[in-house]
Amino acid sequence: MIKNLVKGQTIEFNYGDKEYVLGVHSVTDKETYMHIREVSKYGLNICMNVDKVSKSIIWLYDFNMMGIRSNGRMYMSNITDPVMVDIVETTTV
């Protein structure tokens, strides 16, 4: 499901007591770049890039303002209620 995402599609899911959205933010000929962000009612979203996806773990990373890399992971077994969402892109004339 995750590896087949295209730009304009997201997966919304719960992990623990928080809601997250996984989406594609960039696509090249060789690679698809994804990110996961926490859904917050206050508008401050924590976002990490997806490094790789295995059968049991989503490996994450980000860089802080000093350029230091932080790593994280989400275990597939702890993901609940996944829902695929198609986002319709619109253009304004």
PDB file of N, CA and C in Angstrom:
ATOM      1  N   MET A   1       0.824  -1.196   0.000  1.00  0.00           N
ATOM      2  CA  MET A   1       0.000   0.000   0.000  1.00  0.00           C
ATOM      3  C   MET A   1       0.872   1.265   0.000  1.00  0.00           C
ATOM      4  N   ILE A   2       1.873   1.310   0.883  1.00  0.00           N
ATOM      5  CA  ILE A   2       2.713   2.506   0.998  1.00  0.00           C
ATOM      6  C   ILE A   2       3.586   2.685  -0.232  1.00  0.00           C
ATOM      7  N   LYS A   3       4.210   1.632  -0.691  1.00  0.00           N
ATOM      8  CA  LYS A   3       5.139   1.732  -1.821  1.00  0.00           C
ATOM      9  C   LYS A   3       4.438   2.073  -3.126  1.00  0.00           C
ATOM     10  N   ASN A   4       3.117   1.914  -3.191  1.00  0.00           N
ATOM     11  CA  ASN A   4       2.362   2.210  -4.404  1.00  0.00           C
ATOM     12  C   ASN A   4       1.748   3.607  -4.412  1.00  0.00           C
ATOM     13  N   LEU A   5       2.031   4.412  -3.391  1.00  0.00           N
ATOM     14  CA  LEU A   5       1.482   5.771  -3.348  1.00  0.00           C
ATOM     15  C   LEU A   5       2.023   6.615  -4.491  1.00  0.00           C
ATOM     16  N   VAL A   6       1.173   7.466  -5.026  1.00  0.00           N
ATOM     17  CA  VAL A   6       1.588   8.438  -6.036  1.00  0.00           C
ATOM     18  C   VAL A   6       1.284   9.834  -5.505  1.00  0.00           C
ATOM     19  N   LYS A   7       1.869  10.826  -6.136  1.00  0.00           N
ATOM     20  CA  LYS A   7       1.630  12.198  -5.707  1.00  0.00           C
ATOM     21  C   LYS A   7       0.141  12.503  -5.817  1.00  0.00           C
ATOM     22  N   GLY A   8      -0.409  13.076  -4.767  1.00  0.00           N
ATOM     23  CA  GLY A   8      -1.834  13.355  -4.720  1.00  0.00           C
ATOM     24  C   GLY A   8      -2.613  12.354  -3.873  1.00  0.00           C
ATOM     25  N   GLN A   9      -1.932  11.293  -3.428  1.00  0.00           N
ATOM     26  CA  GLN A   9      -2.568  10.323  -2.544  1.00  0.00           C
ATOM     27  C   GLN A   9      -1.898  10.384  -1.174  1.00  0.00           C
ATOM     28  N   THR A  10      -2.665  10.152  -0.140  1.00  0.00           N
ATOM     29  CA  THR A  10      -2.123  10.074   1.213  1.00  0.00           C
ATOM     30  C   THR A  10      -2.730   8.870   1.921  1.00  0.00           C
ATOM     31  N   ILE A  11      -2.094   8.477   3.002  1.00  0.00           N
ATOM     32  CA  ILE A  11      -2.645   7.458   3.881  1.00  0.00           C
ATOM     33  C   ILE A  11      -2.764   8.093   5.255  1.00  0.00           C
ATOM     34  N   GLU A  12      -3.976   8.121   5.774  1.00  0.00           N
ATOM     35  CA  GLU A  12      -4.212   8.633   7.122  1.00  0.00           C
ATOM     36  C   GLU A  12      -4.297   7.431   8.056  1.00  0.00           C
ATOM     37  N   PHE A  13      -3.659   7.536   9.221  1.00  0.00           N
ATOM     38  CA  PHE A  13      -3.662   6.410  10.147  1.00  0.00           C
ATOM     39  C   PHE A  13      -3.433   6.891  11.570  1.00  0.00           C
ATOM     40  N   ASN A  14      -3.703   6.001  12.501  1.00  0.00           N
ATOM     41  CA  ASN A  14      -3.439   6.254  13.914  1.00  0.00           C
ATOM     42  C   ASN A  14      -2.210   5.457  14.316  1.00  0.00           C
ATOM     43  N   TYR A  15      -1.406   6.072  15.189  1.00  0.00           N
ATOM     44  CA  TYR A  15      -0.237   5.408  15.750  1.00  0.00           C
ATOM     45  C   TYR A  15      -0.191   5.801  17.213  1.00  0.00           C
ATOM     46  N   GLY A  16      -0.479   4.847  18.072  1.00  0.00           N
ATOM     47  CA  GLY A  16      -0.640   5.187  19.482  1.00  0.00           C
ATOM     48  C   GLY A  16      -1.897   6.025  19.639  1.00  0.00           C
ATOM     49  N   ASP A  17      -1.797   7.143  20.323  1.00  0.00           N
ATOM     50  CA  ASP A  17      -2.959   8.013  20.515  1.00  0.00           C
ATOM     51  C   ASP A  17      -2.939   9.233  19.605  1.00  0.00           C
ATOM     52  N   LYS A  18      -2.117   9.210  18.539  1.00  0.00           N
ATOM     53  CA  LYS A  18      -2.006  10.350  17.631  1.00  0.00           C
ATOM     54  C   LYS A  18      -2.392   9.967  16.216  1.00  0.00           C
ATOM     55  N   GLU A  19      -2.810  10.978  15.449  1.00  0.00           N
ATOM     56  CA  GLU A  19      -3.159  10.778  14.050  1.00  0.00           C
ATOM     57  C   GLU A  19      -2.023  11.281  13.168  1.00  0.00           C
ATOM     58  N   TYR A  20      -1.765  10.535  12.084  1.00  0.00           N
ATOM     59  CA  TYR A  20      -0.699  10.880  11.163  1.00  0.00           C
ATOM     60  C   TYR A  20      -1.193  10.800   9.729  1.00  0.00           C
ATOM     61  N   VAL A  21      -0.464  11.491   8.840  1.00  0.00           N
ATOM     62  CA  VAL A  21      -0.724  11.429   7.409  1.00  0.00           C
ATOM     63  C   VAL A  21       0.600  11.133   6.710  1.00  0.00           C
ATOM     64  N   LEU A  22       0.615  10.113   5.868  1.00  0.00           N
ATOM     65  CA  LEU A  22       1.775   9.788   5.057  1.00  0.00           C
ATOM     66  C   LEU A  22       1.464  10.224   3.647  1.00  0.00           C
ATOM     67  N   GLY A  23       2.358  10.984   3.038  1.00  0.00           N
ATOM     68  CA  GLY A  23       2.112  11.462   1.695  1.00  0.00           C
ATOM     69  C   GLY A  23       3.375  11.553   0.867  1.00  0.00           C
ATOM     70  N   VAL A  24       3.207  11.686  -0.432  1.00  0.00           N
ATOM     71  CA  VAL A  24       4.311  11.846  -1.372  1.00  0.00           C
ATOM     72  C   VAL A  24       4.506  13.342  -1.598  1.00  0.00           C
ATOM     73  N   HIS A  25       5.738  13.832  -1.418  1.00  0.00           N
ATOM     74  CA  HIS A  25       5.964  15.252  -1.649  1.00  0.00           C
ATOM     75  C   HIS A  25       6.801  15.531  -2.885  1.00  0.00           C
ATOM     76  N   SER A  26       7.440  14.503  -3.458  1.00  0.00           N
ATOM     77  CA  SER A  26       8.249  14.715  -4.651  1.00  0.00           C
ATOM     78  C   SER A  26       8.470  13.388  -5.361  1.00  0.00           C
ATOM     79  N   VAL A  27       8.497  13.444  -6.694  1.00  0.00           N
ATOM     80  CA  VAL A  27       8.722  12.242  -7.491  1.00  0.00           C
ATOM     81  C   VAL A  27       9.744  12.565  -8.569  1.00  0.00           C
ATOM     82  N   THR A  28      10.750  11.693  -8.711  1.00  0.00           N
ATOM     83  CA  THR A  28      11.709  11.804  -9.807  1.00  0.00           C
ATOM     84  C   THR A  28      11.619  10.539 -10.646  1.00  0.00           C
ATOM     85  N   ASP A  29      12.443  10.446 -11.682  1.00  0.00           N
ATOM     86  CA  ASP A  29      12.458   9.233 -12.509  1.00  0.00           C
ATOM     87  C   ASP A  29      12.906   8.017 -11.725  1.00  0.00           C
ATOM     88  N   LYS A  30      13.756   8.237 -10.700  1.00  0.00           N
ATOM     89  CA  LYS A  30      14.342   7.118  -9.963  1.00  0.00           C
ATOM     90  C   LYS A  30      13.725   6.864  -8.601  1.00  0.00           C
ATOM     91  N   GLU A  31      13.103   7.873  -7.996  1.00  0.00           N
ATOM     92  CA  GLU A  31      12.694   7.716  -6.610  1.00  0.00           C
ATOM     93  C   GLU A  31      11.439   8.524  -6.281  1.00  0.00           C
ATOM     94  N   THR A  32      10.700   8.034  -5.303  1.00  0.00           N
ATOM     95  CA  THR A  32       9.546   8.739  -4.759  1.00  0.00           C
ATOM     96  C   THR A  32       9.886   9.147  -3.336  1.00  0.00           C
ATOM     97  N   TYR A  33       9.734  10.439  -3.020  1.00  0.00           N
ATOM     98  CA  TYR A  33      10.067  10.963  -1.698  1.00  0.00           C
ATOM     99  C   TYR A  33       8.778  11.167  -0.901  1.00  0.00           C
ATOM    100  N   MET A  34       8.742  10.553   0.293  1.00  0.00           N
ATOM    101  CA  MET A  34       7.548  10.614   1.125  1.00  0.00           C
ATOM    102  C   MET A  34       7.869  11.227   2.481  1.00  0.00           C
ATOM    103  N   HIS A  35       6.818  11.657   3.166  1.00  0.00           N
ATOM    104  CA  HIS A  35       6.949  12.199   4.511  1.00  0.00           C
ATOM    105  C   HIS A  35       5.758  11.763   5.348  1.00  0.00           C
ATOM    106  N   ILE A  36       5.949  11.814   6.658  1.00  0.00           N
ATOM    107  CA  ILE A  36       4.864  11.552   7.598  1.00  0.00           C
ATOM    108  C   ILE A  36       4.748  12.774   8.491  1.00  0.00           C
ATOM    109  N   ARG A  37       3.527  13.248   8.656  1.00  0.00           N
ATOM    110  CA  ARG A  37       3.327  14.390   9.557  1.00  0.00           C
ATOM    111  C   ARG A  37       2.210  14.071  10.537  1.00  0.00           C
ATOM    112  N   GLU A  38       2.379  14.615  11.720  1.00  0.00           N
ATOM    113  CA  GLU A  38       1.374  14.444  12.755  1.00  0.00           C
ATOM    114  C   GLU A  38       0.245  15.434  12.505  1.00  0.00           C
ATOM    115  N   VAL A  39      -0.999  14.988  12.659  1.00  0.00           N
ATOM    116  CA  VAL A  39      -2.158  15.861  12.507  1.00  0.00           C
ATOM    117  C   VAL A  39      -2.382  16.558  13.843  1.00  0.00           C
ATOM    118  N   SER A  40      -2.431  17.889  13.794  1.00  0.00           N
ATOM    119  CA  SER A  40      -2.596  18.657  15.018  1.00  0.00           C
ATOM    120  C   SER A  40      -3.687  19.683  14.828  1.00  0.00           C
ATOM    121  N   LYS A  41      -4.532  19.830  15.821  1.00  0.00           N
ATOM    122  CA  LYS A  41      -5.588  20.834  15.732  1.00  0.00           C
ATOM    123  C   LYS A  41      -5.037  22.242  15.925  1.00  0.00           C
ATOM    124  N   TYR A  42      -3.776  22.353  16.346  1.00  0.00           N
ATOM    125  CA  TYR A  42      -3.166  23.664  16.567  1.00  0.00           C
ATOM    126  C   TYR A  42      -2.362  24.146  15.367  1.00  0.00           C
ATOM    127  N   GLY A  43      -2.240  23.325  14.334  1.00  0.00           N
ATOM    128  CA  GLY A  43      -1.558  23.737  13.116  1.00  0.00           C
ATOM    129  C   GLY A  43      -0.051  23.562  13.145  1.00  0.00           C
ATOM    130  N   LEU A  44       0.510  23.096  14.249  1.00  0.00           N
ATOM    131  CA  LEU A  44       1.945  22.848  14.322  1.00  0.00           C
ATOM    132  C   LEU A  44       2.188  21.380  14.045  1.00  0.00           C
ATOM    133  N   ASN A  45       2.587  21.068  12.828  1.00  0.00           N
ATOM    134  CA  ASN A  45       2.744  19.676  12.431  1.00  0.00           C
ATOM    135  C   ASN A  45       4.194  19.239  12.548  1.00  0.00           C
ATOM    136  N   ILE A  46       4.406  18.133  13.220  1.00  0.00           N
ATOM    137  CA  ILE A  46       5.721  17.514  13.261  1.00  0.00           C
ATOM    138  C   ILE A  46       5.826  16.646  12.011  1.00  0.00           C
ATOM    139  N   CYS A  47       6.888  16.834  11.245  1.00  0.00           N
ATOM    140  CA  CYS A  47       7.016  16.140   9.969  1.00  0.00           C
ATOM    141  C   CYS A  47       8.394  15.490   9.872  1.00  0.00           C
ATOM    142  N   MET A  48       8.421  14.245   9.397  1.00  0.00           N
ATOM    143  CA  MET A  48       9.680  13.551   9.153  1.00  0.00           C
ATOM    144  C   MET A  48       9.624  12.921   7.768  1.00  0.00           C
ATOM    145  N   ASN A  49      10.783  12.805   7.125  1.00  0.00           N
ATOM    146  CA  ASN A  49      10.890  12.171   5.820  1.00  0.00           C
ATOM    147  C   ASN A  49      10.959  10.660   5.985  1.00  0.00           C
ATOM    148  N   VAL A  50      10.432   9.943   5.002  1.00  0.00           N
ATOM    149  CA  VAL A  50      10.503   8.489   5.004  1.00  0.00           C
ATOM    150  C   VAL A  50      11.810   8.079   4.342  1.00  0.00           C
ATOM    151  N   ASP A  51      12.639   7.348   5.083  1.00  0.00           N
ATOM    152  CA  ASP A  51      13.923   6.876   4.564  1.00  0.00           C
ATOM    153  C   ASP A  51      13.732   5.581   3.786  1.00  0.00           C
ATOM    154  N   LYS A  52      13.077   4.604   4.411  1.00  0.00           N
ATOM    155  CA  LYS A  52      12.767   3.352   3.725  1.00  0.00           C
ATOM    156  C   LYS A  52      11.599   2.673   4.424  1.00  0.00           C
ATOM    157  N   VAL A  53      10.993   1.750   3.704  1.00  0.00           N
ATOM    158  CA  VAL A  53       9.837   1.014   4.213  1.00  0.00           C
ATOM    159  C   VAL A  53      10.139  -0.477   4.089  1.00  0.00           C
ATOM    160  N   SER A  54      10.015  -1.193   5.208  1.00  0.00           N
ATOM    161  CA  SER A  54      10.161  -2.647   5.185  1.00  0.00           C
ATOM    162  C   SER A  54       8.803  -3.257   5.521  1.00  0.00           C
ATOM    163  N   LYS A  55       8.741  -4.565   5.623  1.00  0.00           N
ATOM    164  CA  LYS A  55       7.471  -5.226   5.943  1.00  0.00           C
ATOM    165  C   LYS A  55       6.990  -4.899   7.343  1.00  0.00           C
ATOM    166  N   SER A  56       7.923  -4.540   8.244  1.00  0.00           N
ATOM    167  CA  SER A  56       7.532  -4.326   9.635  1.00  0.00           C
ATOM    168  C   SER A  56       7.804  -2.926  10.176  1.00  0.00           C
ATOM    169  N   ILE A  57       8.614  -2.117   9.468  1.00  0.00           N
ATOM    170  CA  ILE A  57       9.011  -0.808   9.998  1.00  0.00           C
ATOM    171  C   ILE A  57       9.040   0.246   8.903  1.00  0.00           C
ATOM    172  N   ILE A  58       8.591   1.454   9.244  1.00  0.00           N
ATOM    173  CA  ILE A  58       8.813   2.640   8.411  1.00  0.00           C
ATOM    174  C   ILE A  58       9.949   3.410   9.076  1.00  0.00           C
ATOM    175  N   TRP A  59      11.073   3.558   8.387  1.00  0.00           N
ATOM    176  CA  TRP A  59      12.232   4.271   8.906  1.00  0.00           C
ATOM    177  C   TRP A  59      12.118   5.736   8.531  1.00  0.00           C
ATOM    178  N   LEU A  60      12.308   6.636   9.490  1.00  0.00           N
ATOM    179  CA  LEU A  60      12.115   8.072   9.301  1.00  0.00           C
ATOM    180  C   LEU A  60      13.391   8.849   9.633  1.00  0.00           C
ATOM    181  N   TYR A  61      13.510  10.067   9.075  1.00  0.00           N
ATOM    182  CA  TYR A  61      14.615  10.945   9.423  1.00  0.00           C
ATOM    183  C   TYR A  61      14.211  12.401   9.199  1.00  0.00           C
ATOM    184  N   ASP A  62      14.922  13.294   9.842  1.00  0.00           N
ATOM    185  CA  ASP A  62      14.807  14.726   9.557  1.00  0.00           C
ATOM    186  C   ASP A  62      16.105  15.391   9.982  1.00  0.00           C
ATOM    187  N   PHE A  63      16.241  16.656   9.638  1.00  0.00           N
ATOM    188  CA  PHE A  63      17.398  17.445  10.010  1.00  0.00           C
ATOM    189  C   PHE A  63      16.925  18.654  10.788  1.00  0.00           C
ATOM    190  N   ASN A  64      17.600  18.962  11.905  1.00  0.00           N
ATOM    191  CA  ASN A  64      17.217  20.149  12.669  1.00  0.00           C
ATOM    192  C   ASN A  64      17.891  21.387  12.084  1.00  0.00           C
ATOM    193  N   MET A  65      17.725  22.540  12.721  1.00  0.00           N
ATOM    194  CA  MET A  65      18.275  23.794  12.196  1.00  0.00           C
ATOM    195  C   MET A  65      19.799  23.794  12.144  1.00  0.00           C
ATOM    196  N   MET A  66      20.439  22.953  12.923  1.00  0.00           N
ATOM    197  CA  MET A  66      21.895  22.870  12.927  1.00  0.00           C
ATOM    198  C   MET A  66      22.408  21.813  11.944  1.00  0.00           C
ATOM    199  N   GLY A  67      21.508  21.190  11.196  1.00  0.00           N
ATOM    200  CA  GLY A  67      21.894  20.198  10.209  1.00  0.00           C
ATOM    201  C   GLY A  67      22.161  18.821  10.791  1.00  0.00           C
ATOM    202  N   ILE A  68      21.733  18.579  12.018  1.00  0.00           N
ATOM    203  CA  ILE A  68      21.947  17.287  12.658  1.00  0.00           C
ATOM    204  C   ILE A  68      20.773  16.370  12.329  1.00  0.00           C
ATOM    205  N   ARG A  69      21.108  15.195  11.858  1.00  0.00           N
ATOM    206  CA  ARG A  69      20.082  14.230  11.458  1.00  0.00           C
ATOM    207  C   ARG A  69      19.526  13.503  12.678  1.00  0.00           C
ATOM    208  N   SER A  70      18.205  13.369  12.713  1.00  0.00           N
ATOM    209  CA  SER A  70      17.512  12.571  13.726  1.00  0.00           C
ATOM    210  C   SER A  70      16.817  11.419  13.016  1.00  0.00           C
ATOM    211  N   ASN A  71      16.832  10.254  13.618  1.00  0.00           N
ATOM    212  CA  ASN A  71      16.199   9.071  13.044  1.00  0.00           C
ATOM    213  C   ASN A  71      15.050   8.620  13.918  1.00  0.00           C
ATOM    214  N   GLY A  72      14.066   8.016  13.306  1.00  0.00           N
ATOM    215  CA  GLY A  72      12.942   7.462  14.034  1.00  0.00           C
ATOM    216  C   GLY A  72      12.388   6.278  13.274  1.00  0.00           C
ATOM    217  N   ARG A  73      11.432   5.614  13.871  1.00  0.00           N
ATOM    218  CA  ARG A  73      10.791   4.487  13.190  1.00  0.00           C
ATOM    219  C   ARG A  73       9.376   4.306  13.717  1.00  0.00           C
ATOM    220  N   MET A  74       8.556   3.786  12.854  1.00  0.00           N
ATOM    221  CA  MET A  74       7.189   3.430  13.208  1.00  0.00           C
ATOM    222  C   MET A  74       7.013   1.954  12.862  1.00  0.00           C
ATOM    223  N   TYR A  75       6.522   1.206  13.817  1.00  0.00           N
ATOM    224  CA  TYR A  75       6.302  -0.224  13.599  1.00  0.00           C
ATOM    225  C   TYR A  75       4.929  -0.437  12.956  1.00  0.00           C
ATOM    226  N   MET A  76       4.909  -1.190  11.883  1.00  0.00           N
ATOM    227  CA  MET A  76       3.658  -1.456  11.159  1.00  0.00           C
ATOM    228  C   MET A  76       2.603  -2.080  12.069  1.00  0.00           C
ATOM    229  N   SER A  77       3.030  -2.890  13.021  1.00  0.00           N
ATOM    230  CA  SER A  77       2.082  -3.575  13.890  1.00  0.00           C
ATOM    231  C   SER A  77       1.326  -2.606  14.803  1.00  0.00           C
ATOM    232  N   ASN A  78       1.845  -1.392  14.991  1.00  0.00           N
ATOM    233  CA  ASN A  78       1.191  -0.394  15.840  1.00  0.00           C
ATOM    234  C   ASN A  78       0.334   0.597  15.060  1.00  0.00           C
ATOM    235  N   ILE A  79       0.300   0.468  13.730  1.00  0.00           N
ATOM    236  CA  ILE A  79      -0.521   1.353  12.893  1.00  0.00           C
ATOM    237  C   ILE A  79      -1.932   0.807  12.854  1.00  0.00           C
ATOM    238  N   THR A  80      -2.916   1.682  13.153  1.00  0.00           N
ATOM    239  CA  THR A  80      -4.316   1.263  13.120  1.00  0.00           C
ATOM    240  C   THR A  80      -5.130   2.194  12.232  1.00  0.00           C
ATOM    241  N   ASP A  81      -6.239   1.713  11.753  1.00  0.00           N
ATOM    242  CA  ASP A  81      -7.222   2.468  10.963  1.00  0.00           C
ATOM    243  C   ASP A  81      -6.628   3.180   9.752  1.00  0.00           C
ATOM    244  N   PRO A  82      -5.830   2.496   8.913  1.00  0.00           N
ATOM    245  CA  PRO A  82      -5.301   3.180   7.730  1.00  0.00           C
ATOM    246  C   PRO A  82      -6.392   3.432   6.695  1.00  0.00           C
ATOM    247  N   VAL A  83      -6.383   4.632   6.124  1.00  0.00           N
ATOM    248  CA  VAL A  83      -7.348   5.008   5.093  1.00  0.00           C
ATOM    249  C   VAL A  83      -6.601   5.733   3.978  1.00  0.00           C
ATOM    250  N   MET A  84      -6.742   5.260   2.731  1.00  0.00           N
ATOM    251  CA  MET A  84      -6.124   5.925   1.582  1.00  0.00           C
ATOM    252  C   MET A  84      -7.042   7.052   1.132  1.00  0.00           C
ATOM    253  N   VAL A  85      -6.433   8.229   0.867  1.00  0.00           N
ATOM    254  CA  VAL A  85      -7.195   9.408   0.461  1.00  0.00           C
ATOM    255  C   VAL A  85      -6.583   9.949  -0.819  1.00  0.00           C
ATOM    256  N   ASP A  86      -7.420  10.215  -1.825  1.00  0.00           N
ATOM    257  CA  ASP A  86      -6.973  10.880  -3.043  1.00  0.00           C
ATOM    258  C   ASP A  86      -7.230  12.366  -2.907  1.00  0.00           C
ATOM    259  N   ILE A  87      -6.184  13.159  -3.066  1.00  0.00           N
ATOM    260  CA  ILE A  87      -6.310  14.614  -3.003  1.00  0.00           C
ATOM    261  C   ILE A  87      -6.435  15.142  -4.412  1.00  0.00           C
ATOM    262  N   VAL A  88      -7.489  15.868  -4.697  1.00  0.00           N
ATOM    263  CA  VAL A  88      -7.719  16.437  -6.012  1.00  0.00           C
ATOM    264  C   VAL A  88      -6.958  17.749  -6.107  1.00  0.00           C
ATOM    265  N   GLU A  89      -6.046  17.825  -7.092  1.00  0.00           N
ATOM    266  CA  GLU A  89      -5.304  19.059  -7.292  1.00  0.00           C
ATOM    267  C   GLU A  89      -6.116  19.960  -8.215  1.00  0.00           C
ATOM    268  N   THR A  90      -6.258  21.212  -7.817  1.00  0.00           N
ATOM    269  CA  THR A  90      -7.002  22.171  -8.624  1.00  0.00           C
ATOM    270  C   THR A  90      -6.082  23.307  -9.030  1.00  0.00           C
ATOM    271  N   THR A  91      -6.406  23.924 -10.149  1.00  0.00           N
ATOM    272  CA  THR A  91      -5.642  25.078 -10.594  1.00  0.00           C
ATOM    273  C   THR A  91      -6.574  26.272 -10.663  1.00  0.00           C
ATOM    274  N   THR A  92      -6.038  27.442 -10.394  1.00  0.00           N
ATOM    275  CA  THR A  92      -6.812  28.669 -10.442  1.00  0.00           C
ATOM    276  C   THR A  92      -6.430  29.452 -11.688  1.00  0.00           C
ATOM    277  N   VAL A  93      -7.417  29.935 -12.380  1.00  0.00           N
ATOM    278  CA  VAL A  93      -7.168  30.699 -13.606  1.00  0.00           C
ATOM    279  C   VAL A  93      -7.226  32.168 -13.300  1.00  0.00           C
TER     280      VAL A  93
END
